[in-house]
């Protein structure tokens, strides 16, 4: 009987030991294969490139006169080379929901205006260059006596890793666009009063 108990005891100890060893082996393997948190550098390498730039300037005209110039059709009046091809409405007309294309070198971007409310000083465009980048442009116009303060925000996202450098270059351009827009629009407004 003692022999039976001893055999049972040794068997139980060996069994528990094997179970413990098996459990420890499983834990070691799962620890080795567990996803480790990504470093900031690794996250940056795999996340899409996104930029957010704002510039501001003042126009020499009241809001009622300045705001309509931020419509896609009316922009032709002051922006050299700007020539959108309207898809909707088919006859160019600045309105919320307008859809148009713009040639950009060998690529074509597709634009939509999710918001077009010049009376309240807010215009917004979203465009995509398929496979390259998306851009959201938000324009806020605020009356300042007989002048208009303009704040423009560009948010760009690369749609491929190959587009990273283009998005970063465009963001640099966006940061410096205020004086150019101010000069072009004020120059146009000044030519109307002559």
N, C-alpha and C. Protein backbone atom coordinates (compact mmCIF):
# COMPACT_ATOMS: atom_id res chain seq x y z
N UNK A 1 0.82 -1.17 0.00
CA UNK A 1 0.00 0.00 0.00
C UNK A 1 0.87 1.25 0.00
N UNK A 2 1.95 1.19 0.78
CA UNK A 2 2.88 2.33 0.83
C UNK A 2 3.49 2.53 -0.56
N UNK A 3 3.80 1.41 -1.19
CA UNK A 3 4.38 1.49 -2.52
C UNK A 3 3.40 2.14 -3.49
N UNK A 4 2.15 1.80 -3.38
CA UNK A 4 1.11 2.36 -4.24
C UNK A 4 0.99 3.86 -3.98
N UNK A 5 0.98 4.24 -2.70
CA UNK A 5 0.90 5.66 -2.36
C UNK A 5 2.14 6.41 -2.85
N UNK A 6 3.28 5.80 -2.72
CA UNK A 6 4.52 6.42 -3.16
C UNK A 6 4.51 6.59 -4.67
N UNK A 7 4.08 5.57 -5.37
CA UNK A 7 3.99 5.65 -6.83
C UNK A 7 3.00 6.74 -7.23
N UNK A 8 1.88 6.78 -6.55
CA UNK A 8 0.87 7.79 -6.84
C UNK A 8 1.43 9.18 -6.57
N UNK A 9 2.13 9.35 -5.45
CA UNK A 9 2.71 10.64 -5.07
C UNK A 9 3.74 11.10 -6.08
N UNK A 10 4.63 10.18 -6.47
CA UNK A 10 5.66 10.53 -7.45
C UNK A 10 5.00 10.86 -8.78
N UNK A 11 4.00 10.09 -9.17
CA UNK A 11 3.29 10.35 -10.43
C UNK A 11 2.60 11.72 -10.41
N UNK A 12 2.01 12.03 -9.26
CA UNK A 12 1.33 13.32 -9.14
C UNK A 12 2.34 14.46 -9.24
N UNK A 13 3.47 14.29 -8.57
CA UNK A 13 4.50 15.35 -8.60
C UNK A 13 5.04 15.51 -10.02
N UNK A 14 5.31 14.38 -10.70
CA UNK A 14 5.82 14.46 -12.08
C UNK A 14 4.75 15.08 -12.99
N UNK A 15 3.50 14.70 -12.80
CA UNK A 15 2.41 15.24 -13.61
C UNK A 15 2.26 16.74 -13.42
N UNK A 16 2.26 17.18 -12.15
CA UNK A 16 2.17 18.61 -11.86
C UNK A 16 3.38 19.32 -12.43
N UNK A 17 4.54 18.73 -12.30
CA UNK A 17 5.77 19.32 -12.83
C UNK A 17 5.71 19.47 -14.33
N UNK A 18 5.20 18.46 -15.03
CA UNK A 18 5.07 18.54 -16.48
C UNK A 18 4.06 19.60 -16.90
N UNK A 19 2.95 19.66 -16.14
CA UNK A 19 1.96 20.70 -16.44
C UNK A 19 2.56 22.08 -16.23
N UNK A 20 3.32 22.24 -15.15
CA UNK A 20 3.95 23.52 -14.85
C UNK A 20 4.96 23.87 -15.95
N UNK A 21 5.76 22.88 -16.34
CA UNK A 21 6.76 23.08 -17.38
C UNK A 21 6.08 23.45 -18.71
N UNK A 22 5.00 22.75 -19.03
CA UNK A 22 4.26 23.03 -20.25
C UNK A 22 3.71 24.46 -20.21
N UNK A 23 3.14 24.85 -19.07
CA UNK A 23 2.60 26.20 -18.92
C UNK A 23 3.70 27.24 -19.08
N UNK A 24 4.85 27.00 -18.48
CA UNK A 24 5.96 27.95 -18.56
C UNK A 24 6.47 28.06 -20.00
N UNK A 25 6.52 26.93 -20.69
CA UNK A 25 6.96 26.94 -22.09
C UNK A 25 5.97 27.75 -22.93
N UNK A 26 4.68 27.56 -22.70
CA UNK A 26 3.66 28.29 -23.44
C UNK A 26 3.78 29.79 -23.17
N UNK A 27 3.99 30.17 -21.90
CA UNK A 27 4.14 31.60 -21.56
C UNK A 27 5.37 32.20 -22.23
N UNK A 28 6.46 31.44 -22.23
CA UNK A 28 7.69 31.94 -22.85
C UNK A 28 7.48 32.16 -24.34
N UNK A 29 6.83 31.21 -24.99
CA UNK A 29 6.57 31.34 -26.43
C UNK A 29 5.64 32.53 -26.70
N UNK A 30 4.59 32.67 -25.92
CA UNK A 30 3.65 33.77 -26.16
C UNK A 30 4.31 35.11 -25.92
N UNK A 31 5.23 35.18 -24.95
CA UNK A 31 5.96 36.42 -24.70
C UNK A 31 6.86 36.75 -25.87
N UNK A 32 7.51 35.74 -26.43
CA UNK A 32 8.39 35.98 -27.57
C UNK A 32 7.61 36.42 -28.81
N UNK A 33 6.41 35.88 -28.98
CA UNK A 33 5.63 36.17 -30.18
C UNK A 33 4.62 37.29 -29.99
N UNK A 34 4.50 37.77 -28.78
CA UNK A 34 3.56 38.86 -28.52
C UNK A 34 4.02 40.11 -29.26
N UNK A 35 3.04 40.85 -29.82
CA UNK A 35 3.40 42.09 -30.50
C UNK A 35 3.93 43.08 -29.47
N UNK A 36 5.10 43.56 -29.74
CA UNK A 36 5.70 44.56 -28.87
C UNK A 36 5.19 45.93 -29.30
N UNK A 37 5.03 46.84 -28.35
CA UNK A 37 4.62 48.20 -28.74
C UNK A 37 5.61 48.78 -29.73
N UNK A 38 5.07 49.49 -30.76
CA UNK A 38 5.94 50.09 -31.76
C UNK A 38 6.64 51.31 -31.19
N UNK A 39 7.86 51.48 -31.59
CA UNK A 39 8.57 52.70 -31.20
C UNK A 39 7.96 53.87 -31.96
N UNK A 40 8.21 55.09 -31.48
CA UNK A 40 7.69 56.27 -32.16
C UNK A 40 8.21 56.35 -33.58
N UNK A 41 9.47 55.98 -33.78
CA UNK A 41 10.06 56.01 -35.13
C UNK A 41 9.37 55.02 -36.05
N UNK A 42 9.06 53.82 -35.53
CA UNK A 42 8.38 52.82 -36.35
C UNK A 42 6.96 53.26 -36.67
N UNK A 43 6.27 53.86 -35.68
CA UNK A 43 4.92 54.36 -35.94
C UNK A 43 4.95 55.43 -37.02
N UNK A 44 5.90 56.35 -36.92
CA UNK A 44 6.01 57.43 -37.89
C UNK A 44 6.26 56.88 -39.28
N UNK A 45 7.04 55.81 -39.37
CA UNK A 45 7.36 55.23 -40.68
C UNK A 45 6.15 54.57 -41.31
N UNK A 46 5.21 54.05 -40.50
CA UNK A 46 4.07 53.34 -41.05
C UNK A 46 2.81 54.19 -41.13
N UNK A 47 2.72 55.28 -40.39
CA UNK A 47 1.54 56.14 -40.44
C UNK A 47 1.60 57.02 -41.68
N UNK A 48 0.43 57.35 -42.24
CA UNK A 48 0.44 58.24 -43.39
C UNK A 48 0.97 59.62 -43.00
N UNK A 49 1.63 60.27 -43.93
CA UNK A 49 2.12 61.62 -43.69
C UNK A 49 0.93 62.57 -43.73
N UNK A 50 0.80 63.39 -42.69
CA UNK A 50 -0.30 64.35 -42.61
C UNK A 50 0.28 65.69 -42.19
N UNK A 51 -0.15 66.75 -42.87
CA UNK A 51 0.31 68.09 -42.51
C UNK A 51 -0.91 68.98 -42.27
N UNK A 52 -0.70 70.01 -41.48
CA UNK A 52 -1.76 70.96 -41.12
C UNK A 52 -1.11 72.34 -41.04
N UNK A 53 -1.41 73.20 -42.01
CA UNK A 53 -0.80 74.53 -42.05
C UNK A 53 -1.88 75.60 -42.17
N UNK A 54 -1.63 76.75 -41.55
CA UNK A 54 -2.56 77.88 -41.59
C UNK A 54 -1.80 79.13 -41.96
N UNK A 55 -2.45 79.98 -42.75
CA UNK A 55 -1.89 81.31 -43.00
C UNK A 55 -3.04 82.32 -42.97
N UNK A 56 -2.69 83.58 -42.69
CA UNK A 56 -3.69 84.63 -42.55
C UNK A 56 -3.24 85.88 -43.29
N UNK A 57 -4.23 86.67 -43.69
CA UNK A 57 -3.94 87.94 -44.34
C UNK A 57 -5.19 88.82 -44.30
N UNK A 58 -5.05 90.05 -44.76
CA UNK A 58 -6.16 91.01 -44.74
C UNK A 58 -6.42 91.51 -46.15
N UNK A 59 -7.71 91.61 -46.49
CA UNK A 59 -8.10 92.12 -47.80
C UNK A 59 -8.67 93.53 -47.66
N UNK A 60 -8.41 94.34 -48.67
CA UNK A 60 -8.87 95.73 -48.68
C UNK A 60 -10.28 95.83 -49.25
N UNK A 61 -11.20 95.09 -48.67
CA UNK A 61 -12.59 95.12 -49.11
C UNK A 61 -13.46 94.56 -47.99
N UNK A 62 -14.72 94.99 -47.93
CA UNK A 62 -15.61 94.41 -46.92
C UNK A 62 -15.95 92.96 -47.27
N UNK A 63 -16.43 92.22 -46.28
CA UNK A 63 -16.75 90.80 -46.44
C UNK A 63 -17.65 90.54 -47.65
N UNK A 64 -18.67 91.35 -47.82
CA UNK A 64 -19.65 91.13 -48.89
C UNK A 64 -18.99 91.15 -50.27
N UNK A 65 -17.95 91.94 -50.40
CA UNK A 65 -17.24 92.04 -51.69
C UNK A 65 -16.11 91.01 -51.81
N UNK A 66 -15.45 90.71 -50.69
CA UNK A 66 -14.29 89.82 -50.72
C UNK A 66 -14.66 88.34 -50.75
N UNK A 67 -15.65 87.92 -49.97
CA UNK A 67 -15.95 86.50 -49.80
C UNK A 67 -16.28 85.77 -51.11
N UNK A 68 -17.06 86.34 -52.03
CA UNK A 68 -17.37 85.60 -53.26
C UNK A 68 -16.13 85.27 -54.11
N UNK A 69 -15.04 86.00 -53.89
CA UNK A 69 -13.82 85.74 -54.67
C UNK A 69 -13.18 84.41 -54.31
N UNK A 70 -13.67 83.75 -53.26
CA UNK A 70 -13.14 82.45 -52.86
C UNK A 70 -13.95 81.29 -53.45
N UNK A 71 -14.88 81.61 -54.35
CA UNK A 71 -15.58 80.58 -55.11
C UNK A 71 -14.65 80.07 -56.20
N UNK A 72 -14.79 78.82 -56.58
CA UNK A 72 -13.91 78.23 -57.60
C UNK A 72 -13.99 78.96 -58.93
N UNK A 73 -15.19 79.39 -59.31
CA UNK A 73 -15.34 80.10 -60.58
C UNK A 73 -14.79 81.52 -60.47
N UNK A 74 -15.14 82.22 -59.40
CA UNK A 74 -14.69 83.61 -59.23
C UNK A 74 -13.18 83.71 -59.00
N UNK A 75 -12.57 82.66 -58.50
CA UNK A 75 -11.11 82.69 -58.28
C UNK A 75 -10.34 82.91 -59.58
N UNK A 76 -10.95 82.54 -60.71
CA UNK A 76 -10.29 82.75 -62.01
C UNK A 76 -9.94 84.23 -62.21
N UNK A 77 -10.72 85.12 -61.58
CA UNK A 77 -10.55 86.56 -61.76
C UNK A 77 -9.24 87.07 -61.16
N UNK A 78 -8.71 86.40 -60.14
CA UNK A 78 -7.52 86.93 -59.48
C UNK A 78 -6.34 85.95 -59.42
N UNK A 79 -6.56 84.66 -59.68
CA UNK A 79 -5.49 83.67 -59.56
C UNK A 79 -4.99 83.25 -60.94
N UNK A 80 -3.79 83.67 -61.32
CA UNK A 80 -3.25 83.31 -62.63
C UNK A 80 -3.16 81.78 -62.79
N UNK A 81 -3.62 81.28 -63.92
CA UNK A 81 -3.52 79.85 -64.21
C UNK A 81 -4.61 78.98 -63.61
N UNK A 82 -5.47 79.55 -62.76
CA UNK A 82 -6.55 78.77 -62.13
C UNK A 82 -7.67 78.58 -63.15
N UNK A 83 -7.94 77.34 -63.52
CA UNK A 83 -8.95 77.08 -64.54
C UNK A 83 -9.67 75.76 -64.27
N UNK A 84 -10.56 75.74 -63.28
CA UNK A 84 -11.26 74.49 -62.96
C UNK A 84 -12.25 74.11 -64.07
N UNK A 85 -12.38 72.79 -64.28
CA UNK A 85 -13.37 72.26 -65.24
C UNK A 85 -14.54 71.74 -64.42
N UNK A 86 -15.67 72.42 -64.51
CA UNK A 86 -16.84 72.06 -63.69
C UNK A 86 -17.52 70.79 -64.21
N UNK A 87 -17.79 69.89 -63.27
CA UNK A 87 -18.56 68.68 -63.57
C UNK A 87 -20.00 68.88 -63.12
N UNK A 88 -20.16 69.55 -61.95
CA UNK A 88 -21.49 69.91 -61.45
C UNK A 88 -21.40 71.18 -60.65
N UNK A 89 -22.22 72.15 -60.90
CA UNK A 89 -23.13 72.19 -62.03
C UNK A 89 -22.34 72.28 -63.34
N UNK A 90 -22.96 71.86 -64.43
CA UNK A 90 -22.21 71.81 -65.69
C UNK A 90 -21.81 73.20 -66.17
N UNK A 91 -22.64 74.20 -65.91
CA UNK A 91 -22.24 75.59 -66.17
C UNK A 91 -21.60 76.11 -64.89
N UNK A 92 -20.37 76.64 -64.96
CA UNK A 92 -19.69 77.07 -63.74
C UNK A 92 -20.55 77.98 -62.88
N UNK A 93 -20.73 77.58 -61.64
CA UNK A 93 -21.48 78.38 -60.67
C UNK A 93 -20.97 78.01 -59.28
N UNK A 94 -20.57 79.03 -58.52
CA UNK A 94 -20.07 78.79 -57.17
C UNK A 94 -21.23 78.50 -56.24
N UNK A 95 -21.22 77.29 -55.68
CA UNK A 95 -22.27 76.88 -54.75
C UNK A 95 -21.79 75.68 -53.94
N UNK A 96 -22.42 75.45 -52.82
CA UNK A 96 -22.09 74.30 -52.00
C UNK A 96 -22.32 73.03 -52.81
N UNK A 97 -21.39 72.09 -52.72
CA UNK A 97 -21.50 70.82 -53.43
C UNK A 97 -20.93 70.83 -54.84
N UNK A 98 -20.46 71.99 -55.31
CA UNK A 98 -19.89 72.03 -56.67
C UNK A 98 -18.76 71.01 -56.77
N UNK A 99 -18.63 70.42 -57.95
CA UNK A 99 -17.61 69.41 -58.21
C UNK A 99 -16.87 69.83 -59.48
N UNK A 100 -15.56 69.81 -59.43
CA UNK A 100 -14.76 70.20 -60.59
C UNK A 100 -13.42 69.51 -60.55
N UNK A 101 -12.71 69.54 -61.65
CA UNK A 101 -11.37 68.97 -61.71
C UNK A 101 -10.38 70.08 -62.02
N UNK A 102 -9.14 69.85 -61.62
CA UNK A 102 -8.06 70.80 -61.88
C UNK A 102 -6.85 69.99 -62.33
N UNK A 103 -6.27 70.36 -63.47
CA UNK A 103 -5.04 69.72 -63.92
C UNK A 103 -3.89 70.19 -63.06
N UNK A 104 -3.10 69.23 -62.58
CA UNK A 104 -1.93 69.57 -61.77
C UNK A 104 -0.74 68.81 -62.35
N UNK A 105 -0.10 69.43 -63.34
CA UNK A 105 0.99 68.76 -64.05
C UNK A 105 0.41 67.60 -64.84
N UNK A 106 0.96 66.41 -64.64
CA UNK A 106 0.45 65.24 -65.36
C UNK A 106 -0.69 64.56 -64.62
N UNK A 107 -1.09 65.10 -63.47
CA UNK A 107 -2.18 64.53 -62.69
C UNK A 107 -3.41 65.44 -62.74
N UNK A 108 -4.55 64.86 -62.40
CA UNK A 108 -5.79 65.62 -62.30
C UNK A 108 -6.35 65.42 -60.90
N UNK A 109 -6.70 66.52 -60.25
CA UNK A 109 -7.33 66.43 -58.92
C UNK A 109 -8.83 66.62 -59.07
N UNK A 110 -9.58 65.94 -58.21
CA UNK A 110 -11.03 66.04 -58.20
C UNK A 110 -11.42 66.80 -56.93
N UNK A 111 -12.18 67.89 -57.11
CA UNK A 111 -12.54 68.80 -56.02
C UNK A 111 -14.04 68.77 -55.75
N UNK A 112 -14.39 69.03 -54.50
CA UNK A 112 -15.78 69.23 -54.09
C UNK A 112 -15.79 70.34 -53.03
N UNK A 113 -16.89 71.06 -52.98
CA UNK A 113 -17.04 72.11 -51.97
C UNK A 113 -18.08 71.66 -50.95
N UNK A 114 -17.65 71.06 -49.82
CA UNK A 114 -18.61 70.65 -48.81
C UNK A 114 -19.31 71.83 -48.14
N UNK A 115 -18.66 73.01 -48.16
CA UNK A 115 -19.27 74.21 -47.58
C UNK A 115 -18.95 75.39 -48.49
N UNK A 116 -19.99 76.14 -48.82
CA UNK A 116 -19.81 77.38 -49.56
C UNK A 116 -20.85 78.37 -49.03
N UNK A 117 -20.41 79.19 -48.08
CA UNK A 117 -21.31 80.12 -47.41
C UNK A 117 -20.61 81.48 -47.29
N UNK A 118 -20.42 82.18 -48.42
CA UNK A 118 -19.68 83.44 -48.38
C UNK A 118 -20.36 84.51 -47.53
N UNK A 119 -21.69 84.48 -47.45
CA UNK A 119 -22.40 85.48 -46.65
C UNK A 119 -21.99 85.40 -45.17
N UNK A 120 -21.72 84.19 -44.70
CA UNK A 120 -21.29 83.99 -43.31
C UNK A 120 -19.78 83.77 -43.19
N UNK A 121 -19.06 83.97 -44.28
CA UNK A 121 -17.61 83.95 -44.24
C UNK A 121 -16.97 82.58 -44.08
N UNK A 122 -17.55 81.55 -44.70
CA UNK A 122 -16.91 80.23 -44.60
C UNK A 122 -17.02 79.49 -45.93
N UNK A 123 -15.87 79.05 -46.42
CA UNK A 123 -15.79 78.27 -47.67
C UNK A 123 -14.84 77.11 -47.39
N UNK A 124 -15.20 75.94 -47.92
CA UNK A 124 -14.35 74.76 -47.70
C UNK A 124 -14.31 73.92 -48.97
N UNK A 125 -13.11 73.45 -49.28
CA UNK A 125 -12.90 72.57 -50.43
C UNK A 125 -12.17 71.31 -49.96
N UNK A 126 -12.51 70.20 -50.59
CA UNK A 126 -11.77 68.96 -50.38
C UNK A 126 -11.39 68.46 -51.77
N UNK A 127 -10.14 68.03 -51.91
CA UNK A 127 -9.78 67.45 -53.19
C UNK A 127 -8.87 66.26 -52.99
N UNK A 128 -8.87 65.41 -54.01
CA UNK A 128 -8.03 64.21 -53.98
C UNK A 128 -7.30 64.09 -55.32
N UNK A 129 -6.04 63.74 -55.21
CA UNK A 129 -5.28 63.29 -56.38
C UNK A 129 -5.18 61.78 -56.16
N UNK A 130 -5.95 60.99 -56.92
CA UNK A 130 -6.04 59.55 -56.65
C UNK A 130 -4.67 58.89 -56.50
N UNK A 131 -4.55 58.13 -55.41
CA UNK A 131 -3.32 57.40 -55.13
C UNK A 131 -2.17 58.26 -54.62
N UNK A 132 -2.38 59.57 -54.51
CA UNK A 132 -1.29 60.47 -54.12
C UNK A 132 -1.59 61.18 -52.80
N UNK A 133 -2.66 62.02 -52.79
CA UNK A 133 -2.89 62.84 -51.61
C UNK A 133 -4.33 63.34 -51.56
N UNK A 134 -4.80 63.60 -50.33
CA UNK A 134 -6.06 64.31 -50.12
C UNK A 134 -5.72 65.66 -49.48
N UNK A 135 -6.58 66.64 -49.76
CA UNK A 135 -6.39 67.98 -49.20
C UNK A 135 -7.74 68.54 -48.78
N UNK A 136 -7.77 69.13 -47.60
CA UNK A 136 -8.95 69.84 -47.11
C UNK A 136 -8.52 71.28 -46.89
N UNK A 137 -9.25 72.21 -47.55
CA UNK A 137 -8.94 73.64 -47.44
C UNK A 137 -10.14 74.32 -46.79
N UNK A 138 -9.91 74.96 -45.66
CA UNK A 138 -10.97 75.67 -44.93
C UNK A 138 -10.61 77.15 -44.90
N UNK A 139 -11.54 77.97 -45.35
CA UNK A 139 -11.31 79.42 -45.44
C UNK A 139 -12.34 80.14 -44.58
N UNK A 140 -11.86 80.88 -43.59
CA UNK A 140 -12.72 81.64 -42.68
C UNK A 140 -12.45 83.12 -42.91
N UNK A 141 -13.53 83.85 -43.23
CA UNK A 141 -13.43 85.29 -43.49
C UNK A 141 -14.17 86.05 -42.40
N UNK A 142 -13.51 87.04 -41.82
CA UNK A 142 -14.09 87.80 -40.72
C UNK A 142 -14.06 89.29 -41.06
N UNK A 143 -15.23 89.97 -40.97
CA UNK A 143 -15.24 91.40 -41.26
C UNK A 143 -14.45 92.19 -40.21
N UNK A 144 -13.71 93.19 -40.68
CA UNK A 144 -12.99 94.12 -39.80
C UNK A 144 -13.20 95.52 -40.35
N UNK A 145 -14.27 96.15 -39.93
CA UNK A 145 -14.69 97.45 -40.47
C UNK A 145 -14.87 97.32 -41.99
N UNK A 146 -14.10 98.05 -42.77
CA UNK A 146 -14.22 97.97 -44.23
C UNK A 146 -13.24 96.97 -44.83
N UNK A 147 -12.53 96.22 -43.99
CA UNK A 147 -11.58 95.21 -44.44
C UNK A 147 -12.12 93.81 -44.13
N UNK A 148 -11.39 92.77 -44.61
CA UNK A 148 -11.76 91.38 -44.32
C UNK A 148 -10.51 90.62 -43.91
N UNK A 149 -10.57 90.01 -42.74
CA UNK A 149 -9.48 89.14 -42.29
C UNK A 149 -9.75 87.73 -42.83
N UNK A 150 -8.71 87.10 -43.39
CA UNK A 150 -8.85 85.78 -44.00
C UNK A 150 -7.90 84.81 -43.31
N UNK A 151 -8.42 83.67 -42.85
CA UNK A 151 -7.60 82.59 -42.28
C UNK A 151 -7.83 81.36 -43.15
N UNK A 152 -6.75 80.81 -43.69
CA UNK A 152 -6.81 79.65 -44.58
C UNK A 152 -6.07 78.49 -43.92
N UNK A 153 -6.72 77.34 -43.88
CA UNK A 153 -6.11 76.14 -43.29
C UNK A 153 -6.05 75.05 -44.34
N UNK A 154 -4.85 74.49 -44.54
CA UNK A 154 -4.62 73.38 -45.45
C UNK A 154 -4.27 72.14 -44.64
N UNK A 155 -5.04 71.06 -44.82
CA UNK A 155 -4.74 69.77 -44.20
C UNK A 155 -4.52 68.78 -45.33
N UNK A 156 -3.33 68.19 -45.36
CA UNK A 156 -2.98 67.27 -46.45
C UNK A 156 -2.59 65.92 -45.87
N UNK A 157 -2.96 64.85 -46.58
CA UNK A 157 -2.60 63.50 -46.18
C UNK A 157 -2.10 62.74 -47.39
N UNK A 158 -0.94 62.11 -47.25
CA UNK A 158 -0.39 61.28 -48.33
C UNK A 158 -1.18 59.98 -48.41
N UNK A 159 -1.46 59.53 -49.62
CA UNK A 159 -2.17 58.27 -49.81
C UNK A 159 -1.22 57.12 -50.12
N UNK A 160 0.07 57.42 -50.15
CA UNK A 160 1.08 56.39 -50.35
C UNK A 160 2.39 56.90 -49.74
N UNK A 161 3.27 55.98 -49.44
CA UNK A 161 4.56 56.40 -48.88
C UNK A 161 5.36 57.18 -49.91
N UNK A 162 5.14 56.89 -51.19
CA UNK A 162 5.85 57.62 -52.24
C UNK A 162 5.45 59.09 -52.29
N UNK A 163 4.27 59.43 -51.76
CA UNK A 163 3.78 60.81 -51.80
C UNK A 163 4.23 61.65 -50.61
N UNK A 164 4.95 61.05 -49.69
CA UNK A 164 5.36 61.77 -48.47
C UNK A 164 6.09 63.08 -48.79
N UNK A 165 7.07 63.02 -49.67
CA UNK A 165 7.87 64.21 -49.97
C UNK A 165 7.02 65.29 -50.64
N UNK A 166 6.08 64.88 -51.51
CA UNK A 166 5.20 65.84 -52.15
C UNK A 166 4.34 66.55 -51.11
N UNK A 167 3.76 65.80 -50.18
CA UNK A 167 2.90 66.39 -49.15
C UNK A 167 3.71 67.37 -48.29
N UNK A 168 4.92 66.98 -47.92
CA UNK A 168 5.76 67.87 -47.11
C UNK A 168 6.14 69.13 -47.88
N UNK A 169 6.43 68.99 -49.17
CA UNK A 169 6.77 70.16 -49.99
C UNK A 169 5.57 71.09 -50.13
N UNK A 170 4.39 70.51 -50.35
CA UNK A 170 3.17 71.32 -50.46
C UNK A 170 2.88 72.04 -49.14
N UNK A 171 3.13 71.38 -48.02
CA UNK A 171 2.92 72.01 -46.71
C UNK A 171 3.84 73.22 -46.54
N UNK A 172 5.07 73.11 -47.02
CA UNK A 172 5.99 74.26 -46.97
C UNK A 172 5.44 75.41 -47.81
N UNK A 173 4.92 75.10 -48.99
CA UNK A 173 4.31 76.13 -49.85
C UNK A 173 3.10 76.76 -49.16
N UNK A 174 2.27 75.89 -48.54
CA UNK A 174 1.07 76.39 -47.86
C UNK A 174 1.43 77.42 -46.80
N UNK A 175 2.47 77.14 -46.04
CA UNK A 175 2.88 78.03 -44.95
C UNK A 175 3.24 79.42 -45.43
N UNK A 176 3.66 79.51 -46.70
CA UNK A 176 4.16 80.79 -47.22
C UNK A 176 3.20 81.45 -48.21
N UNK A 177 1.97 80.95 -48.33
CA UNK A 177 1.04 81.43 -49.36
C UNK A 177 0.30 82.72 -49.01
N UNK A 178 0.27 83.10 -47.76
CA UNK A 178 -0.49 84.29 -47.34
C UNK A 178 -0.17 85.55 -48.13
N UNK A 179 1.10 85.96 -48.20
CA UNK A 179 1.42 87.19 -48.93
C UNK A 179 1.04 87.13 -50.41
N UNK A 180 1.22 85.95 -51.04
CA UNK A 180 0.88 85.82 -52.45
C UNK A 180 -0.63 86.00 -52.67
N UNK A 181 -1.43 85.30 -51.85
CA UNK A 181 -2.89 85.45 -51.98
C UNK A 181 -3.30 86.89 -51.71
N UNK A 182 -2.76 87.49 -50.67
CA UNK A 182 -3.11 88.87 -50.32
C UNK A 182 -2.79 89.82 -51.48
N UNK A 183 -1.59 89.70 -52.05
CA UNK A 183 -1.19 90.58 -53.15
C UNK A 183 -2.06 90.37 -54.38
N UNK A 184 -2.34 89.11 -54.71
CA UNK A 184 -3.15 88.84 -55.91
C UNK A 184 -4.57 89.37 -55.75
N UNK A 185 -5.19 89.09 -54.61
CA UNK A 185 -6.59 89.51 -54.43
C UNK A 185 -6.69 91.02 -54.26
N UNK A 186 -5.81 91.61 -53.44
CA UNK A 186 -5.84 93.06 -53.29
C UNK A 186 -5.52 93.78 -54.61
N UNK A 187 -4.60 93.20 -55.40
CA UNK A 187 -4.30 93.76 -56.71
C UNK A 187 -5.53 93.73 -57.61
N UNK A 188 -6.24 92.63 -57.59
CA UNK A 188 -7.47 92.51 -58.38
C UNK A 188 -8.52 93.52 -57.90
N UNK A 189 -8.72 93.60 -56.58
CA UNK A 189 -9.69 94.54 -56.03
C UNK A 189 -9.32 95.99 -56.38
N UNK A 190 -8.02 96.29 -56.34
CA UNK A 190 -7.56 97.63 -56.68
C UNK A 190 -7.78 97.96 -58.15
N UNK A 191 -7.67 96.96 -59.02
CA UNK A 191 -7.87 97.19 -60.46
C UNK A 191 -9.34 97.49 -60.77
N UNK A 192 -10.25 97.03 -59.92
CA UNK A 192 -11.69 97.29 -60.14
C UNK A 192 -12.07 98.72 -59.82
N UNK A 193 -11.31 99.35 -58.92
CA UNK A 193 -11.67 100.70 -58.50
C UNK A 193 -11.04 101.76 -59.38
N UNK A 194 -10.27 101.35 -60.37
CA UNK A 194 -9.62 102.34 -61.25
C UNK A 194 -10.54 102.75 -62.36
